Amino acid sequence: MKQLKGYIFSRAFMGERVPQHVQNLVIRDYCQKNGYQYLLSGTEYAMEGCHLVFEQLLDEIQEYDGIALYSLFQLPESSEDREVIYHKVLDLNKSLHFSVESLSIQSLSHLDRIERIWNVKKTIPTSFLSINS
């Protein structure tokens, strides 16, 4: 059975705050539904913009088949940083999974959809503000 290492946050991300135990439950449920063995999550440090634990999981990705994040919005906000991550994972024939969105990146063909979702999320606050002005 393929194994996914979990990844959760101990801080808010993109305006969202989800308790750690809920993040773990969602990842566990995603893994069960999709036929993966869930390996306990690495929990990111609380400092804003910090991705040290995620970088460690990426360095160790050869030990499992991929990483299951609670949300795709736990990736770095910089599109350049995300691009580096995508290629690092895919070059090693591994995958990224976004449990709450029920999406994954398992090939280059999946990147466009993920980036379009990111762009919508980034645009929503700006659009909302301009509507209410």
C-alpha atoms as a PDB file:
ATOM      1  CA  MET A   1       0.000   0.000   0.000  1.00  0.00           C
ATOM      2  CA  LYS A   2       1.313   3.451  -0.901  1.00  0.00           C
ATOM      3  CA  GLN A   3       2.148   5.735   2.007  1.00  0.00           C
ATOM      4  CA  LEU A   4       1.543   9.455   2.421  1.00  0.00           C
ATOM      5  CA  LYS A   5       3.190  11.557   5.108  1.00  0.00           C
ATOM      6  CA  GLY A   6       0.830  14.150   6.562  1.00  0.00           C
ATOM      7  CA  TYR A   7       1.548  17.864   6.869  1.00  0.00           C
ATOM      8  CA  ILE A   8      -0.417  20.273   9.058  1.00  0.00           C
ATOM      9  CA  PHE A   9      -0.135  23.832  10.351  1.00  0.00           C
ATOM     10  CA  SER A  10      -0.112  25.168  13.891  1.00  0.00           C
ATOM     11  CA  ARG A  11      -0.987  28.668  12.586  1.00  0.00           C
ATOM     12  CA  ALA A  12      -3.537  30.306  10.341  1.00  0.00           C
ATOM     13  CA  PHE A  13      -3.010  30.118   6.568  1.00  0.00           C
ATOM     14  CA  MET A  14      -4.615  32.291   3.893  1.00  0.00           C
ATOM     15  CA  GLY A  15      -7.151  33.568   6.411  1.00  0.00           C
ATOM     16  CA  GLU A  16      -8.074  30.061   7.613  1.00  0.00           C
ATOM     17  CA  ARG A  17      -7.526  28.569  11.057  1.00  0.00           C
ATOM     18  CA  VAL A  18      -8.195  24.874  11.594  1.00  0.00           C
ATOM     19  CA  PRO A  19      -7.390  22.931  14.791  1.00  0.00           C
ATOM     20  CA  GLN A  20      -4.548  20.455  14.344  1.00  0.00           C
ATOM     21  CA  HIS A  21      -6.658  17.442  15.309  1.00  0.00           C
ATOM     22  CA  VAL A  22      -9.223  18.367  12.632  1.00  0.00           C
ATOM     23  CA  GLN A  23      -6.474  18.706  10.020  1.00  0.00           C
ATOM     24  CA  ASN A  24      -5.218  15.223  10.941  1.00  0.00           C
ATOM     25  CA  LEU A  25      -8.735  13.750  10.736  1.00  0.00           C
ATOM     26  CA  VAL A  26      -9.275  15.217   7.270  1.00  0.00           C
ATOM     27  CA  ILE A  27      -5.927  13.872   6.032  1.00  0.00           C
ATOM     28  CA  ARG A  28      -6.621  10.440   7.529  1.00  0.00           C
ATOM     29  CA  ASP A  29     -10.041  10.358   5.864  1.00  0.00           C
ATOM     30  CA  TYR A  30      -8.552  11.407   2.511  1.00  0.00           C
ATOM     31  CA  CYS A  31      -5.947   8.642   2.730  1.00  0.00           C
ATOM     32  CA  GLN A  32      -8.543   6.000   3.603  1.00  0.00           C
ATOM     33  CA  LYS A  33     -10.843   7.036   0.748  1.00  0.00           C
ATOM     34  CA  ASN A  34      -7.994   7.023  -1.760  1.00  0.00           C
ATOM     35  CA  GLY A  35      -6.226   3.812  -0.728  1.00  0.00           C
ATOM     36  CA  TYR A  36      -3.167   5.272   0.995  1.00  0.00           C
ATOM     37  CA  GLN A  37      -1.614   4.399   4.317  1.00  0.00           C
ATOM     38  CA  TYR A  38      -1.496   7.567   6.421  1.00  0.00           C
ATOM     39  CA  LEU A  39       1.777   8.300   8.167  1.00  0.00           C
ATOM     40  CA  LEU A  40       1.512  10.739  11.050  1.00  0.00           C
ATOM     41  CA  SER A  41       1.819  14.393  10.192  1.00  0.00           C
ATOM     42  CA  GLY A  42       4.670  16.777  10.522  1.00  0.00           C
ATOM     43  CA  THR A  43       3.449  19.977  12.175  1.00  0.00           C
ATOM     44  CA  GLU A  44       4.770  23.260  10.836  1.00  0.00           C
ATOM     45  CA  TYR A  45       6.185  25.839  13.218  1.00  0.00           C
ATOM     46  CA  ALA A  46       3.937  28.747  14.157  1.00  0.00           C
ATOM     47  CA  MET A  47       6.142  31.518  12.708  1.00  0.00           C
ATOM     48  CA  GLU A  48       4.500  33.323   9.786  1.00  0.00           C
ATOM     49  CA  GLY A  49       5.883  32.245   6.420  1.00  0.00           C
ATOM     50  CA  CYS A  50       7.842  29.354   7.930  1.00  0.00           C
ATOM     51  CA  HIS A  51       8.020  26.107   5.939  1.00  0.00           C
ATOM     52  CA  LEU A  52      10.961  24.406   7.692  1.00  0.00           C
ATOM     53  CA  VAL A  53       9.028  21.233   8.549  1.00  0.00           C
ATOM     54  CA  PHE A  54       7.678  21.032   5.004  1.00  0.00           C
ATOM     55  CA  GLU A  55      11.217  21.395   3.630  1.00  0.00           C
ATOM     56  CA  GLN A  56      12.291  18.535   5.894  1.00  0.00           C
ATOM     57  CA  LEU A  57       9.426  16.370   4.603  1.00  0.00           C
ATOM     58  CA  LEU A  58      10.515  17.164   1.046  1.00  0.00           C
ATOM     59  CA  ASP A  59      14.097  16.179   1.902  1.00  0.00           C
ATOM     60  CA  GLU A  60      12.795  12.838   3.245  1.00  0.00           C
ATOM     61  CA  ILE A  61      10.202  12.215   0.503  1.00  0.00           C
ATOM     62  CA  GLN A  62      12.086   9.146  -0.779  1.00  0.00           C
ATOM     63  CA  GLU A  63      10.869   7.355   2.374  1.00  0.00           C
ATOM     64  CA  TYR A  64       7.185   7.542   1.331  1.00  0.00           C
ATOM     65  CA  ASP A  65       5.111   7.980  -1.824  1.00  0.00           C
ATOM     66  CA  GLY A  66       4.059  11.561  -1.273  1.00  0.00           C
ATOM     67  CA  ILE A  67       2.884  14.216   1.138  1.00  0.00           C
ATOM     68  CA  ALA A  68      -0.733  14.797   2.127  1.00  0.00           C
ATOM     69  CA  LEU A  69      -1.268  18.406   3.150  1.00  0.00           C
ATOM     70  CA  TYR A  70      -4.463  19.465   4.845  1.00  0.00           C
ATOM     71  CA  SER A  71      -4.916  22.208   2.215  1.00  0.00           C
ATOM     72  CA  LEU A  72      -3.179  23.370  -0.926  1.00  0.00           C
ATOM     73  CA  PHE A  73      -3.105  26.828   0.675  1.00  0.00           C
ATOM     74  CA  GLN A  74      -0.480  25.562   3.110  1.00  0.00           C
ATOM     75  CA  LEU A  75       2.037  25.702   0.279  1.00  0.00           C
ATOM     76  CA  PRO A  76       4.184  28.836   0.111  1.00  0.00           C
ATOM     77  CA  GLU A  77       2.354  31.894  -1.250  1.00  0.00           C
ATOM     78  CA  SER A  78       5.138  32.614  -3.747  1.00  0.00           C
ATOM     79  CA  SER A  79       4.381  31.007  -7.124  1.00  0.00           C
ATOM     80  CA  GLU A  80       8.119  30.611  -7.725  1.00  0.00           C
ATOM     81  CA  ASP A  81       8.540  28.711  -4.453  1.00  0.00           C
ATOM     82  CA  ARG A  82       5.565  26.479  -5.296  1.00  0.00           C
ATOM     83  CA  GLU A  83       7.018  25.779  -8.747  1.00  0.00           C
ATOM     84  CA  VAL A  84      10.294  24.594  -7.188  1.00  0.00           C
ATOM     85  CA  ILE A  85       8.341  22.289  -4.855  1.00  0.00           C
ATOM     86  CA  TYR A  86       6.191  20.850  -7.660  1.00  0.00           C
ATOM     87  CA  HIS A  87       9.206  19.978  -9.765  1.00  0.00           C
ATOM     88  CA  LYS A  88      11.204  18.576  -6.859  1.00  0.00           C
ATOM     89  CA  VAL A  89       8.338  16.217  -6.005  1.00  0.00           C
ATOM     90  CA  LEU A  90       7.514  15.211  -9.577  1.00  0.00           C
ATOM     91  CA  ASP A  91      11.185  14.731 -10.549  1.00  0.00           C
ATOM     92  CA  LEU A  92      11.332  12.068  -7.821  1.00  0.00           C
ATOM     93  CA  ASN A  93       8.086  10.425  -9.075  1.00  0.00           C
ATOM     94  CA  LYS A  94       6.318  11.386  -5.867  1.00  0.00           C
ATOM     95  CA  SER A  95       3.039  13.238  -5.319  1.00  0.00           C
ATOM     96  CA  LEU A  96       1.402  16.023  -3.334  1.00  0.00           C
ATOM     97  CA  HIS A  97      -2.150  15.645  -2.037  1.00  0.00           C
ATOM     98  CA  PHE A  98      -4.471  18.363  -0.769  1.00  0.00           C
ATOM     99  CA  SER A  99      -6.938  16.627   1.492  1.00  0.00           C
ATOM    100  CA  VAL A 100      -9.630  19.233   2.126  1.00  0.00           C
ATOM    101  CA  GLU A 101      -9.821  20.112  -1.590  1.00  0.00           C
ATOM    102  CA  SER A 102      -9.572  16.423  -2.598  1.00  0.00           C
ATOM    103  CA  LEU A 103      -6.942  17.254  -5.226  1.00  0.00           C
ATOM    104  CA  SER A 104      -3.476  15.991  -5.990  1.00  0.00           C
ATOM    105  CA  ILE A 105      -0.414  16.651  -8.111  1.00  0.00           C
ATOM    106  CA  GLN A 106       0.858  13.433  -9.590  1.00  0.00           C
ATOM    107  CA  SER A 107       2.023  14.750 -12.974  1.00  0.00           C
ATOM    108  CA  LEU A 108       2.837  18.022 -14.720  1.00  0.00           C
ATOM    109  CA  SER A 109      -0.664  18.063 -16.214  1.00  0.00           C
ATOM    110  CA  HIS A 110      -2.130  18.741 -12.744  1.00  0.00           C
ATOM    111  CA  LEU A 111      -0.164  21.947 -12.143  1.00  0.00           C
ATOM    112  CA  ASP A 112      -2.312  24.298 -14.221  1.00  0.00           C
ATOM    113  CA  ARG A 113      -5.471  23.511 -12.256  1.00  0.00           C
ATOM    114  CA  ILE A 114      -3.742  23.960  -8.902  1.00  0.00           C
ATOM    115  CA  GLU A 115      -2.246  27.302  -9.937  1.00  0.00           C
ATOM    116  CA  ARG A 116      -5.599  28.534 -11.292  1.00  0.00           C
ATOM    117  CA  ILE A 117      -7.183  27.761  -7.911  1.00  0.00           C
ATOM    118  CA  TRP A 118      -4.360  29.673  -6.189  1.00  0.00           C
ATOM    119  CA  ASN A 119      -4.951  32.676  -8.440  1.00  0.00           C
ATOM    120  CA  VAL A 120      -8.675  32.683  -7.662  1.00  0.00           C
ATOM    121  CA  LYS A 121      -7.999  32.511  -3.919  1.00  0.00           C
ATOM    122  CA  LYS A 122      -5.545  35.416  -4.147  1.00  0.00           C
ATOM    123  CA  THR A 123      -7.998  37.479  -6.230  1.00  0.00           C
ATOM    124  CA  ILE A 124     -11.086  36.993  -4.043  1.00  0.00           C
ATOM    125  CA  PRO A 125     -10.105  39.417  -1.243  1.00  0.00           C
ATOM    126  CA  THR A 126      -9.220  42.118  -3.789  1.00  0.00           C
ATOM    127  CA  SER A 127     -12.437  41.567  -5.749  1.00  0.00           C
ATOM    128  CA  PHE A 128     -14.517  41.633  -2.601  1.00  0.00           C
ATOM    129  CA  LEU A 129     -12.961  44.909  -1.493  1.00  0.00           C
ATOM    130  CA  SER A 130     -13.544  46.571  -4.870  1.00  0.00           C
ATOM    131  CA  ILE A 131     -17.207  45.474  -4.874  1.00  0.00           C
ATOM    132  CA  ASN A 132     -17.798  46.980  -1.426  1.00  0.00           C
ATOM    133  CA  SER A 133     -15.992  50.263  -2.197  1.00  0.00           C
END
